[in-house]
PDB file of N, CA and C in Angstrom:
ATOM      1  N   MET A   1     -24.399 161.845 -56.539  1.00  0.00           N
ATOM      2  CA  MET A   1     -23.679 161.547 -57.767  1.00  0.00           C
ATOM      3  C   MET A   1     -24.706 161.094 -58.794  1.00  0.00           C
ATOM      4  N   ARG A   2     -24.574 161.637 -59.998  1.00  0.00           N
ATOM      5  CA  ARG A   2     -25.521 161.329 -61.059  1.00  0.00           C
ATOM      6  C   ARG A   2     -24.751 160.875 -62.278  1.00  0.00           C
ATOM      7  N   ASP A   3     -25.165 159.748 -62.863  1.00  0.00           N
ATOM      8  CA  ASP A   3     -24.545 159.274 -64.093  1.00  0.00           C
ATOM      9  C   ASP A   3     -25.067 160.108 -65.249  1.00  0.00           C
ATOM     10  N   ILE A   4     -24.157 160.685 -66.024  1.00  0.00           N
ATOM     11  CA  ILE A   4     -24.569 161.361 -67.249  1.00  0.00           C
ATOM     12  C   ILE A   4     -24.516 160.347 -68.377  1.00  0.00           C
ATOM     13  N   VAL A   5     -23.378 159.727 -68.571  1.00  0.00           N
ATOM     14  CA  VAL A   5     -23.225 158.630 -69.519  1.00  0.00           C
ATOM     15  C   VAL A   5     -22.267 157.645 -68.887  1.00  0.00           C
ATOM     16  N   ARG A   6     -22.666 156.398 -68.774  1.00  0.00           N
ATOM     17  CA  ARG A   6     -21.754 155.374 -68.279  1.00  0.00           C
ATOM     18  C   ARG A   6     -21.189 154.668 -69.501  1.00  0.00           C
ATOM     19  N   GLY A   7     -19.894 154.505 -69.525  1.00  0.00           N
ATOM     20  CA  GLY A   7     -19.256 153.892 -70.678  1.00  0.00           C
ATOM     21  C   GLY A   7     -19.797 152.502 -70.963  1.00  0.00           C
ATOM     22  N   SER A   8     -19.917 152.185 -72.232  1.00  0.00           N
ATOM     23  CA  SER A   8     -20.348 150.841 -72.609  1.00  0.00           C
ATOM     24  C   SER A   8     -19.178 150.148 -73.292  1.00  0.00           C
ATOM     25  N   TYR A   9     -18.487 149.326 -72.541  1.00  0.00           N
ATOM     26  CA  TYR A   9     -17.343 148.577 -73.026  1.00  0.00           C
ATOM     27  C   TYR A   9     -17.352 147.259 -72.265  1.00  0.00           C
ATOM     28  N   PRO A  10     -16.847 146.196 -72.862  1.00  0.00           N
ATOM     29  CA  PRO A  10     -16.913 144.884 -72.206  1.00  0.00           C
ATOM     30  C   PRO A  10     -15.970 144.786 -71.006  1.00  0.00           C
ATOM     31  N   LEU A  11     -16.492 144.240 -69.928  1.00  0.00           N
ATOM     32  CA  LEU A  11     -15.732 143.957 -68.717  1.00  0.00           C
ATOM     33  C   LEU A  11     -16.012 142.525 -68.306  1.00  0.00           C
ATOM     34  N   GLU A  12     -15.021 141.874 -67.718  1.00  0.00           N
ATOM     35  CA  GLU A  12     -15.287 140.549 -67.165  1.00  0.00           C
ATOM     36  C   GLU A  12     -16.301 140.670 -66.033  1.00  0.00           C
ATOM     37  N   LYS A  13     -16.135 141.708 -65.213  1.00  0.00           N
ATOM     38  CA  LYS A  13     -17.047 141.879 -64.077  1.00  0.00           C
ATOM     39  C   LYS A  13     -16.979 143.308 -63.561  1.00  0.00           C
ATOM     40  N   ARG A  14     -18.141 143.831 -63.131  1.00  0.00           N
ATOM     41  CA  ARG A  14     -18.233 145.131 -62.456  1.00  0.00           C
ATOM     42  C   ARG A  14     -19.090 144.920 -61.216  1.00  0.00           C
ATOM     43  N   GLU A  15     -18.530 145.237 -60.064  1.00  0.00           N
ATOM     44  CA  GLU A  15     -19.254 145.117 -58.797  1.00  0.00           C
ATOM     45  C   GLU A  15     -19.280 146.478 -58.122  1.00  0.00           C
ATOM     46  N   VAL A  16     -20.468 147.047 -57.916  1.00  0.00           N
ATOM     47  CA  VAL A  16     -20.571 148.291 -57.167  1.00  0.00           C
ATOM     48  C   VAL A  16     -20.537 147.913 -55.688  1.00  0.00           C
ATOM     49  N   VAL A  17     -19.510 148.374 -54.994  1.00  0.00           N
ATOM     50  CA  VAL A  17     -19.320 148.052 -53.584  1.00  0.00           C
ATOM     51  C   VAL A  17     -20.103 149.022 -52.710  1.00  0.00           C
ATOM     52  N   MET A  18     -20.102 150.306 -53.122  1.00  0.00           N
ATOM     53  CA  MET A  18     -20.785 151.347 -52.358  1.00  0.00           C
ATOM     54  C   MET A  18     -21.115 152.491 -53.296  1.00  0.00           C
ATOM     55  N   GLU A  19     -22.290 153.057 -53.118  1.00  0.00           N
ATOM     56  CA  GLU A  19     -22.653 154.234 -53.887  1.00  0.00           C
ATOM     57  C   GLU A  19     -23.456 155.153 -52.990  1.00  0.00           C
ATOM     58  N   GLY A  20     -22.987 156.389 -52.868  1.00  0.00           N
ATOM     59  CA  GLY A  20     -23.665 157.377 -52.049  1.00  0.00           C
ATOM     60  C   GLY A  20     -23.898 158.642 -52.841  1.00  0.00           C
ATOM     61  N   ALA A  21     -24.310 159.686 -52.141  1.00  0.00           N
ATOM     62  CA  ALA A  21     -24.604 160.955 -52.800  1.00  0.00           C
ATOM     63  C   ALA A  21     -23.359 161.585 -53.418  1.00  0.00           C
ATOM     64  N   ASP A  22     -22.184 161.295 -52.853  1.00  0.00           N
ATOM     65  CA  ASP A  22     -20.990 161.970 -53.339  1.00  0.00           C
ATOM     66  C   ASP A  22     -19.789 161.044 -53.554  1.00  0.00           C
ATOM     67  N   MET A  23     -20.031 159.729 -53.619  1.00  0.00           N
ATOM     68  CA  MET A  23     -18.927 158.809 -53.851  1.00  0.00           C
ATOM     69  C   MET A  23     -19.447 157.465 -54.341  1.00  0.00           C
ATOM     70  N   ARG A  24     -18.633 156.832 -55.193  1.00  0.00           N
ATOM     71  CA  ARG A  24     -18.934 155.486 -55.675  1.00  0.00           C
ATOM     72  C   ARG A  24     -17.658 154.670 -55.566  1.00  0.00           C
ATOM     73  N   ALA A  25     -17.787 153.421 -55.121  1.00  0.00           N
ATOM     74  CA  ALA A  25     -16.663 152.481 -55.090  1.00  0.00           C
ATOM     75  C   ALA A  25     -17.096 151.237 -55.849  1.00  0.00           C
ATOM     76  N   SER A  26     -16.287 150.854 -56.838  1.00  0.00           N
ATOM     77  CA  SER A  26     -16.581 149.687 -57.665  1.00  0.00           C
ATOM     78  C   SER A  26     -15.322 148.853 -57.802  1.00  0.00           C
ATOM     79  N   VAL A  27     -15.511 147.540 -57.952  1.00  0.00           N
ATOM     80  CA  VAL A  27     -14.410 146.653 -58.284  1.00  0.00           C
ATOM     81  C   VAL A  27     -14.621 146.229 -59.731  1.00  0.00           C
ATOM     82  N   LEU A  28     -13.639 146.521 -60.580  1.00  0.00           N
ATOM     83  CA  LEU A  28     -13.705 146.167 -61.988  1.00  0.00           C
ATOM     84  C   LEU A  28     -12.657 145.102 -62.282  1.00  0.00           C
ATOM     85  N   THR A  29     -13.065 144.107 -63.060  1.00  0.00           N
ATOM     86  CA  THR A  29     -12.156 143.059 -63.501  1.00  0.00           C
ATOM     87  C   THR A  29     -12.101 143.101 -65.019  1.00  0.00           C
ATOM     88  N   LEU A  30     -10.889 143.214 -65.552  1.00  0.00           N
ATOM     89  CA  LEU A  30     -10.673 143.195 -66.991  1.00  0.00           C
ATOM     90  C   LEU A  30     -10.074 141.855 -67.369  1.00  0.00           C
ATOM     91  N   ALA A  31     -10.741 141.147 -68.257  1.00  0.00           N
ATOM     92  CA  ALA A  31     -10.216 139.884 -68.780  1.00  0.00           C
ATOM     93  C   ALA A  31      -9.039 140.185 -69.703  1.00  0.00           C
ATOM     94  N   PRO A  32      -8.234 139.180 -70.028  1.00  0.00           N
ATOM     95  CA  PRO A  32      -7.132 139.410 -70.968  1.00  0.00           C
ATOM     96  C   PRO A  32      -7.646 140.063 -72.253  1.00  0.00           C
ATOM     97  N   GLY A  33      -6.955 141.127 -72.666  1.00  0.00           N
ATOM     98  CA  GLY A  33      -7.318 141.838 -73.882  1.00  0.00           C
ATOM     99  C   GLY A  33      -8.349 142.936 -73.707  1.00  0.00           C
ATOM    100  N   GLN A  34      -9.021 143.008 -72.565  1.00  0.00           N
ATOM    101  CA  GLN A  34     -10.014 144.057 -72.339  1.00  0.00           C
ATOM    102  C   GLN A  34      -9.343 145.324 -71.812  1.00  0.00           C
ATOM    103  N   CYS A  35     -10.036 146.458 -71.981  1.00  0.00           N
ATOM    104  CA  CYS A  35      -9.542 147.718 -71.442  1.00  0.00           C
ATOM    105  C   CYS A  35     -10.717 148.639 -71.152  1.00  0.00           C
ATOM    106  N   VAL A  36     -10.464 149.629 -70.330  1.00  0.00           N
ATOM    107  CA  VAL A  36     -11.378 150.757 -70.180  1.00  0.00           C
ATOM    108  C   VAL A  36     -10.830 151.780 -71.173  1.00  0.00           C
ATOM    109  N   PRO A  37     -11.575 152.066 -72.251  1.00  0.00           N
ATOM    110  CA  PRO A  37     -11.029 152.871 -73.340  1.00  0.00           C
ATOM    111  C   PRO A  37     -10.750 154.322 -72.932  1.00  0.00           C
ATOM    112  N   TRP A  38     -10.027 155.019 -73.798  1.00  0.00           N
ATOM    113  CA  TRP A  38      -9.701 156.422 -73.547  1.00  0.00           C
ATOM    114  C   TRP A  38     -10.970 157.210 -73.253  1.00  0.00           C
ATOM    115  N   HIS A  39     -10.939 157.947 -72.143  1.00  0.00           N
ATOM    116  CA  HIS A  39     -12.065 158.773 -71.742  1.00  0.00           C
ATOM    117  C   HIS A  39     -11.586 159.770 -70.683  1.00  0.00           C
ATOM    118  N   TYR A  40     -12.471 160.673 -70.327  1.00  0.00           N
ATOM    119  CA  TYR A  40     -12.202 161.577 -69.213  1.00  0.00           C
ATOM    120  C   TYR A  40     -13.519 161.891 -68.519  1.00  0.00           C
ATOM    121  N   HIS A  41     -13.424 162.516 -67.352  1.00  0.00           N
ATOM    122  CA  HIS A  41     -14.589 162.948 -66.585  1.00  0.00           C
ATOM    123  C   HIS A  41     -14.466 164.451 -66.373  1.00  0.00           C
ATOM    124  N   SER A  42     -15.562 165.172 -66.468  1.00  0.00           N
ATOM    125  CA  SER A  42     -15.537 166.624 -66.329  1.00  0.00           C
ATOM    126  C   SER A  42     -15.262 167.065 -64.894  1.00  0.00           C
ATOM    127  N   GLU A  43     -15.809 166.334 -63.912  1.00  0.00           N
ATOM    128  CA  GLU A  43     -15.730 166.774 -62.521  1.00  0.00           C
ATOM    129  C   GLU A  43     -15.102 165.759 -61.578  1.00  0.00           C
ATOM    130  N   VAL A  44     -15.103 164.500 -61.931  1.00  0.00           N
ATOM    131  CA  VAL A  44     -14.774 163.422 -61.001  1.00  0.00           C
ATOM    132  C   VAL A  44     -13.317 162.978 -61.126  1.00  0.00           C
ATOM    133  N   THR A  45     -12.663 162.777 -59.981  1.00  0.00           N
ATOM    134  CA  THR A  45     -11.346 162.158 -59.933  1.00  0.00           C
ATOM    135  C   THR A  45     -11.534 160.654 -59.852  1.00  0.00           C
ATOM    136  N   ASP A  46     -10.790 159.903 -60.674  1.00  0.00           N
ATOM    137  CA  ASP A  46     -10.765 158.438 -60.577  1.00  0.00           C
ATOM    138  C   ASP A  46      -9.549 158.053 -59.743  1.00  0.00           C
ATOM    139  N   VAL A  47      -9.768 157.230 -58.724  1.00  0.00           N
ATOM    140  CA  VAL A  47      -8.658 156.692 -57.943  1.00  0.00           C
ATOM    141  C   VAL A  47      -8.654 155.183 -58.167  1.00  0.00           C
ATOM    142  N   PHE A  48      -7.551 154.682 -58.696  1.00  0.00           N
ATOM    143  CA  PHE A  48      -7.387 153.262 -58.998  1.00  0.00           C
ATOM    144  C   PHE A  48      -6.524 152.627 -57.922  1.00  0.00           C
ATOM    145  N   PHE A  49      -6.996 151.515 -57.360  1.00  0.00           N
ATOM    146  CA  PHE A  49      -6.239 150.752 -56.368  1.00  0.00           C
ATOM    147  C   PHE A  49      -6.143 149.333 -56.900  1.00  0.00           C
ATOM    148  N   CYS A  50      -4.950 148.923 -57.289  1.00  0.00           N
ATOM    149  CA  CYS A  50      -4.754 147.615 -57.917  1.00  0.00           C
ATOM    150  C   CYS A  50      -4.934 146.497 -56.893  1.00  0.00           C
ATOM    151  N   LEU A  51      -5.831 145.569 -57.194  1.00  0.00           N
ATOM    152  CA  LEU A  51      -6.063 144.398 -56.345  1.00  0.00           C
ATOM    153  C   LEU A  51      -5.322 143.183 -56.894  1.00  0.00           C
ATOM    154  N   GLU A  52      -5.369 143.017 -58.217  1.00  0.00           N
ATOM    155  CA  GLU A  52      -4.650 141.946 -58.914  1.00  0.00           C
ATOM    156  C   GLU A  52      -4.123 142.548 -60.201  1.00  0.00           C
ATOM    157  N   GLY A  53      -2.935 142.240 -60.537  1.00  0.00           N
ATOM    158  CA  GLY A  53      -2.382 142.860 -61.728  1.00  0.00           C
ATOM    159  C   GLY A  53      -1.168 142.108 -62.202  1.00  0.00           C
ATOM    160  N   PRO A  54      -0.288 142.854 -62.763  1.00  0.00           N
ATOM    161  CA  PRO A  54      -0.229 144.313 -62.807  1.00  0.00           C
ATOM    162  C   PRO A  54      -1.207 144.912 -63.808  1.00  0.00           C
ATOM    163  N   MET A  55      -1.471 146.207 -63.604  1.00  0.00           N
ATOM    164  CA  MET A  55      -2.363 146.959 -64.475  1.00  0.00           C
ATOM    165  C   MET A  55      -1.643 148.229 -64.928  1.00  0.00           C
ATOM    166  N   VAL A  56      -2.150 148.805 -66.004  1.00  0.00           N
ATOM    167  CA  VAL A  56      -1.536 150.009 -66.564  1.00  0.00           C
ATOM    168  C   VAL A  56      -2.593 151.098 -66.659  1.00  0.00           C
ATOM    169  N   VAL A  57      -2.243 152.298 -66.205  1.00  0.00           N
ATOM    170  CA  VAL A  57      -3.088 153.479 -66.380  1.00  0.00           C
ATOM    171  C   VAL A  57      -2.276 154.458 -67.218  1.00  0.00           C
ATOM    172  N   GLU A  58      -2.776 154.752 -68.413  1.00  0.00           N
ATOM    173  CA  GLU A  58      -2.122 155.706 -69.301  1.00  0.00           C
ATOM    174  C   GLU A  58      -2.903 157.013 -69.257  1.00  0.00           C
ATOM    175  N   THR A  59      -2.190 158.134 -69.302  1.00  0.00           N
ATOM    176  CA  THR A  59      -2.838 159.445 -69.335  1.00  0.00           C
ATOM    177  C   THR A  59      -2.258 160.267 -70.479  1.00  0.00           C
ATOM    178  N   ARG A  60      -3.019 161.287 -70.856  1.00  0.00           N
ATOM    179  CA  ARG A  60      -2.565 162.299 -71.817  1.00  0.00           C
ATOM    180  C   ARG A  60      -2.528 163.619 -71.060  1.00  0.00           C
ATOM    181  N   ALA A  61      -1.627 164.475 -71.461  1.00  0.00           N
ATOM    182  CA  ALA A  61      -1.554 165.842 -70.923  1.00  0.00           C
ATOM    183  C   ALA A  61      -1.621 165.868 -69.403  1.00  0.00           C
ATOM    184  N   PRO A  62      -0.685 165.311 -68.692  1.00  0.00           N
ATOM    185  CA  PRO A  62       0.605 164.878 -69.218  1.00  0.00           C
ATOM    186  C   PRO A  62       0.555 163.446 -69.742  1.00  0.00           C
ATOM    187  N   ARG A  63       1.376 163.174 -70.763  1.00  0.00           N
ATOM    188  CA  ARG A  63       1.503 161.829 -71.323  1.00  0.00           C
ATOM    189  C   ARG A  63       2.293 161.001 -70.320  1.00  0.00           C
ATOM    190  N   GLU A  64       1.666 159.947 -69.800  1.00  0.00           N
ATOM    191  CA  GLU A  64       2.322 159.121 -68.789  1.00  0.00           C
ATOM    192  C   GLU A  64       1.744 157.716 -68.836  1.00  0.00           C
ATOM    193  N   GLU A  65       2.544 156.744 -68.497  1.00  0.00           N
ATOM    194  CA  GLU A  65       2.106 155.349 -68.382  1.00  0.00           C
ATOM    195  C   GLU A  65       2.591 154.845 -67.031  1.00  0.00           C
ATOM    196  N   ARG A  66       1.636 154.505 -66.168  1.00  0.00           N
ATOM    197  CA  ARG A  66       1.981 154.011 -64.835  1.00  0.00           C
ATOM    198  C   ARG A  66       1.571 152.553 -64.713  1.00  0.00           C
ATOM    199  N   VAL A  67       2.480 151.712 -64.270  1.00  0.00           N
ATOM    200  CA  VAL A  67       2.198 150.311 -64.004  1.00  0.00           C
ATOM    201  C   VAL A  67       1.946 150.191 -62.508  1.00  0.00           C
ATOM    202  N   LEU A  68       0.767 149.664 -62.159  1.00  0.00           N
ATOM    203  CA  LEU A  68       0.406 149.468 -60.752  1.00  0.00           C
ATOM    204  C   LEU A  68       0.417 147.982 -60.437  1.00  0.00           C
ATOM    205  N   ARG A  69       1.032 147.638 -59.337  1.00  0.00           N
ATOM    206  CA  ARG A  69       1.029 146.270 -58.840  1.00  0.00           C
ATOM    207  C   ARG A  69       0.084 146.202 -57.650  1.00  0.00           C
ATOM    208  N   ALA A  70      -0.304 145.015 -57.247  1.00  0.00           N
ATOM    209  CA  ALA A  70      -1.246 144.848 -56.132  1.00  0.00           C
ATOM    210  C   ALA A  70      -0.806 145.707 -54.951  1.00  0.00           C
ATOM    211  N   GLY A  71      -1.745 146.497 -54.432  1.00  0.00           N
ATOM    212  CA  GLY A  71      -1.486 147.369 -53.292  1.00  0.00           C
ATOM    213  C   GLY A  71      -1.107 148.788 -53.669  1.00  0.00           C
ATOM    214  N   GLU A  72      -0.846 149.048 -54.956  1.00  0.00           N
ATOM    215  CA  GLU A  72      -0.478 150.399 -55.383  1.00  0.00           C
ATOM    216  C   GLU A  72      -1.699 151.138 -55.921  1.00  0.00           C
ATOM    217  N   SER A  73      -1.645 152.470 -55.854  1.00  0.00           N
ATOM    218  CA  SER A  73      -2.787 153.269 -56.289  1.00  0.00           C
ATOM    219  C   SER A  73      -2.332 154.480 -57.095  1.00  0.00           C
ATOM    220  N   LEU A  74      -3.292 155.078 -57.793  1.00  0.00           N
ATOM    221  CA  LEU A  74      -3.045 156.257 -58.603  1.00  0.00           C
ATOM    222  C   LEU A  74      -4.342 157.041 -58.738  1.00  0.00           C
ATOM    223  N   ALA A  75      -4.260 158.370 -58.598  1.00  0.00           N
ATOM    224  CA  ALA A  75      -5.419 159.247 -58.796  1.00  0.00           C
ATOM    225  C   ALA A  75      -5.277 159.954 -60.140  1.00  0.00           C
ATOM    226  N   VAL A  76      -6.350 159.968 -60.920  1.00  0.00           N
ATOM    227  CA  VAL A  76      -6.396 160.681 -62.196  1.00  0.00           C
ATOM    228  C   VAL A  76      -7.414 161.807 -62.030  1.00  0.00           C
ATOM    229  N   PRO A  77      -6.947 163.064 -62.109  1.00  0.00           N
ATOM    230  CA  PRO A  77      -7.848 164.195 -61.863  1.00  0.00           C
ATOM    231  C   PRO A  77      -8.849 164.417 -62.996  1.00  0.00           C
ATOM    232  N   PRO A  78      -9.886 165.212 -62.720  1.00  0.00           N
ATOM    233  CA  PRO A  78     -10.871 165.543 -63.756  1.00  0.00           C
ATOM    234  C   PRO A  78     -10.198 166.142 -64.983  1.00  0.00           C
ATOM    235  N   LYS A  79     -10.844 165.946 -66.124  1.00  0.00           N
ATOM    236  CA  LYS A  79     -10.421 166.499 -67.424  1.00  0.00           C
ATOM    237  C   LYS A  79      -9.102 165.922 -67.922  1.00  0.00           C
ATOM    238  N   THR A  80      -8.652 164.808 -67.343  1.00  0.00           N
ATOM    239  CA  THR A  80      -7.440 164.138 -67.807  1.00  0.00           C
ATOM    240  C   THR A  80      -7.843 162.851 -68.519  1.00  0.00           C
ATOM    241  N   ALA A  81      -7.588 162.774 -69.807  1.00  0.00           N
ATOM    242  CA  ALA A  81      -7.927 161.570 -70.573  1.00  0.00           C
ATOM    243  C   ALA A  81      -7.070 160.409 -70.082  1.00  0.00           C
ATOM    244  N   HIS A  82      -7.711 159.245 -69.922  1.00  0.00           N
ATOM    245  CA  HIS A  82      -6.987 158.069 -69.445  1.00  0.00           C
ATOM    246  C   HIS A  82      -7.554 156.783 -70.027  1.00  0.00           C
ATOM    247  N   LEU A  83      -6.692 155.754 -70.035  1.00  0.00           N
ATOM    248  CA  LEU A  83      -6.965 154.417 -70.553  1.00  0.00           C
ATOM    249  C   LEU A  83      -6.449 153.435 -69.513  1.00  0.00           C
ATOM    250  N   VAL A  84      -7.179 152.336 -69.282  1.00  0.00           N
ATOM    251  CA  VAL A  84      -6.773 151.346 -68.269  1.00  0.00           C
ATOM    252  C   VAL A  84      -6.795 149.964 -68.904  1.00  0.00           C
ATOM    253  N   HIS A  85      -5.727 149.175 -68.649  1.00  0.00           N
ATOM    254  CA  HIS A  85      -5.663 147.809 -69.162  1.00  0.00           C
ATOM    255  C   HIS A  85      -4.674 147.005 -68.341  1.00  0.00           C
ATOM    256  N   GLY A  86      -4.704 145.700 -68.502  1.00  0.00           N
ATOM    257  CA  GLY A  86      -3.732 144.839 -67.848  1.00  0.00           C
ATOM    258  C   GLY A  86      -2.392 144.933 -68.555  1.00  0.00           C
ATOM    259  N   LEU A  87      -1.312 144.753 -67.815  1.00  0.00           N
ATOM    260  CA  LEU A  87       0.023 144.799 -68.398  1.00  0.00           C
ATOM    261  C   LEU A  87       0.159 143.704 -69.447  1.00  0.00           C
ATOM    262  N   ASP A  88       0.680 144.055 -70.616  1.00  0.00           N
ATOM    263  CA  ASP A  88       0.856 143.124 -71.733  1.00  0.00           C
ATOM    264  C   ASP A  88      -0.450 142.427 -72.118  1.00  0.00           C
ATOM    265  N   GLY A  89      -1.573 143.143 -71.945  1.00  0.00           N
ATOM    266  CA  GLY A  89      -2.879 142.594 -72.322  1.00  0.00           C
ATOM    267  C   GLY A  89      -3.416 141.556 -71.363  1.00  0.00           C
ATOM    268  N   GLY A  90      -2.825 141.451 -70.182  1.00  0.00           N
ATOM    269  CA  GLY A  90      -3.252 140.448 -69.201  1.00  0.00           C
ATOM    270  C   GLY A  90      -4.472 140.873 -68.405  1.00  0.00           C
ATOM    271  N   ARG A  91      -4.917 139.983 -67.550  1.00  0.00           N
ATOM    272  CA  ARG A  91      -6.069 140.199 -66.679  1.00  0.00           C
ATOM    273  C   ARG A  91      -5.653 141.103 -65.518  1.00  0.00           C
ATOM    274  N   CYS A  92      -6.587 141.945 -65.049  1.00  0.00           N
ATOM    275  CA  CYS A  92      -6.347 142.748 -63.854  1.00  0.00           C
ATOM    276  C   CYS A  92      -7.677 143.009 -63.144  1.00  0.00           C
ATOM    277  N   ARG A  93      -7.562 143.341 -61.887  1.00  0.00           N
ATOM    278  CA  ARG A  93      -8.729 143.625 -61.044  1.00  0.00           C
ATOM    279  C   ARG A  93      -8.364 144.808 -60.169  1.00  0.00           C
ATOM    280  N   PHE A  94      -9.269 145.789 -60.081  1.00  0.00           N
ATOM    281  CA  PHE A  94      -8.952 146.989 -59.311  1.00  0.00           C
ATOM    282  C   PHE A  94     -10.186 147.604 -58.686  1.00  0.00           C
ATOM    283  N   LEU A  95      -9.939 148.299 -57.583  1.00  0.00           N
ATOM    284  CA  LEU A  95     -10.960 149.099 -56.919  1.00  0.00           C
ATOM    285  C   LEU A  95     -10.917 150.476 -57.551  1.00  0.00           C
ATOM    286  N   LEU A  96     -12.069 150.983 -57.949  1.00  0.00           N
ATOM    287  CA  LEU A  96     -12.182 152.306 -58.552  1.00  0.00           C
ATOM    288  C   LEU A  96     -13.020 153.172 -57.627  1.00  0.00           C
ATOM    289  N   LEU A  97     -12.426 154.241 -57.119  1.00  0.00           N
ATOM    290  CA  LEU A  97     -13.129 155.201 -56.274  1.00  0.00           C
ATOM    291  C   LEU A  97     -13.370 156.461 -57.087  1.00  0.00           C
ATOM    292  N   GLN A  98     -14.597 156.944 -57.058  1.00  0.00           N
ATOM    293  CA  GLN A  98     -14.957 158.162 -57.780  1.00  0.00           C
ATOM    294  C   GLN A  98     -15.643 159.100 -56.806  1.00  0.00           C
ATOM    295  N   GLY A  99     -15.140 160.331 -56.751  1.00  0.00           N
ATOM    296  CA  GLY A  99     -15.589 161.274 -55.735  1.00  0.00           C
ATOM    297  C   GLY A  99     -16.695 162.191 -56.172  1.00  0.00           C
ATOM    298  N   VAL A 100     -16.738 163.322 -55.500  1.00  0.00           N
ATOM    299  CA  VAL A 100     -17.814 164.295 -55.635  1.00  0.00           C
ATOM    300  C   VAL A 100     -17.932 164.807 -57.071  1.00  0.00           C
ATOM    301  N   GLY A 101     -19.165 164.933 -57.534  1.00  0.00           N
ATOM    302  CA  GLY A 101     -19.438 165.489 -58.860  1.00  0.00           C
ATOM    303  C   GLY A 101     -20.228 164.524 -59.709  1.00  0.00           C
ATOM    304  N   ASP A 102     -20.731 165.039 -60.814  1.00  0.00           N
ATOM    305  CA  ASP A 102     -21.461 164.193 -61.744  1.00  0.00           C
ATOM    306  C   ASP A 102     -20.476 163.293 -62.475  1.00  0.00           C
ATOM    307  N   TYR A 103     -20.784 162.009 -62.538  1.00  0.00           N
ATOM    308  CA  TYR A 103     -19.950 161.051 -63.239  1.00  0.00           C
ATOM    309  C   TYR A 103     -20.355 161.112 -64.709  1.00  0.00           C
ATOM    310  N   ASP A 104     -19.429 161.475 -65.549  1.00  0.00           N
ATOM    311  CA  ASP A 104     -19.699 161.472 -66.979  1.00  0.00           C
ATOM    312  C   ASP A 104     -18.524 160.804 -67.675  1.00  0.00           C
ATOM    313  N   PHE A 105     -18.824 159.864 -68.531  1.00  0.00           N
ATOM    314  CA  PHE A 105     -17.823 159.130 -69.283  1.00  0.00           C
ATOM    315  C   PHE A 105     -17.769 159.751 -70.659  1.00  0.00           C
ATOM    316  N   ARG A 106     -16.729 160.508 -70.925  1.00  0.00           N
ATOM    317  CA  ARG A 106     -16.605 161.189 -72.217  1.00  0.00           C
ATOM    318  C   ARG A 106     -15.495 160.524 -73.017  1.00  0.00           C
ATOM    319  N   ALA A 107     -15.897 159.747 -74.008  1.00  0.00           N
ATOM    320  CA  ALA A 107     -14.935 159.017 -74.831  1.00  0.00           C
ATOM    321  C   ALA A 107     -14.081 159.991 -75.629  1.00  0.00           C
ATOM    322  N   VAL A 108     -12.814 159.600 -75.839  1.00  0.00           N
ATOM    323  CA  VAL A 108     -11.907 160.368 -76.692  1.00  0.00           C
ATOM    324  C   VAL A 108     -11.228 159.406 -77.654  1.00  0.00           C
ATOM    325  N   ALA A 109     -10.782 159.925 -78.779  1.00  0.00           N
ATOM    326  CA  ALA A 109     -10.115 159.082 -79.775  1.00  0.00           C
ATOM    327  C   ALA A 109      -8.827 158.504 -79.204  1.00  0.00           C
ATOM    328  N   GLY A 110      -8.453 157.304 -79.672  1.00  0.00           N
ATOM    329  CA  GLY A 110      -7.243 156.625 -79.190  1.00  0.00           C
ATOM    330  C   GLY A 110      -5.986 157.414 -79.460  1.00  0.00           C
ATOM    331  N   ALA A 111      -4.893 156.909 -78.897  1.00  0.00           N
ATOM    332  CA  ALA A 111      -3.618 157.624 -78.954  1.00  0.00           C
ATOM    333  C   ALA A 111      -3.037 157.706 -80.336  1.00  0.00           C
TER     334      ALA A 111
END
């Protein structure tokens, strides 16, 4: 796995749990008011597993808003724009699994 561009946005904490040739696992913590801004990946699926929340994963095409509570997960396929934040601007913590392919963070304009 090769980083093309890693997003630069404020996080309370980012912990890389495991990184191999074809997978990365990180725990991300978003403080109140923080978010992972709208972006997509060309090749990589993001799998979100909520550890503390609730958290919200919004997608475009299809337009969807999913609220995840602790223990729930959601996969966002490649080329799907998505945004992640705590419910009602609150704090959240989640495990992010990223699979095979080059990791590229491609920012997109907000909704």
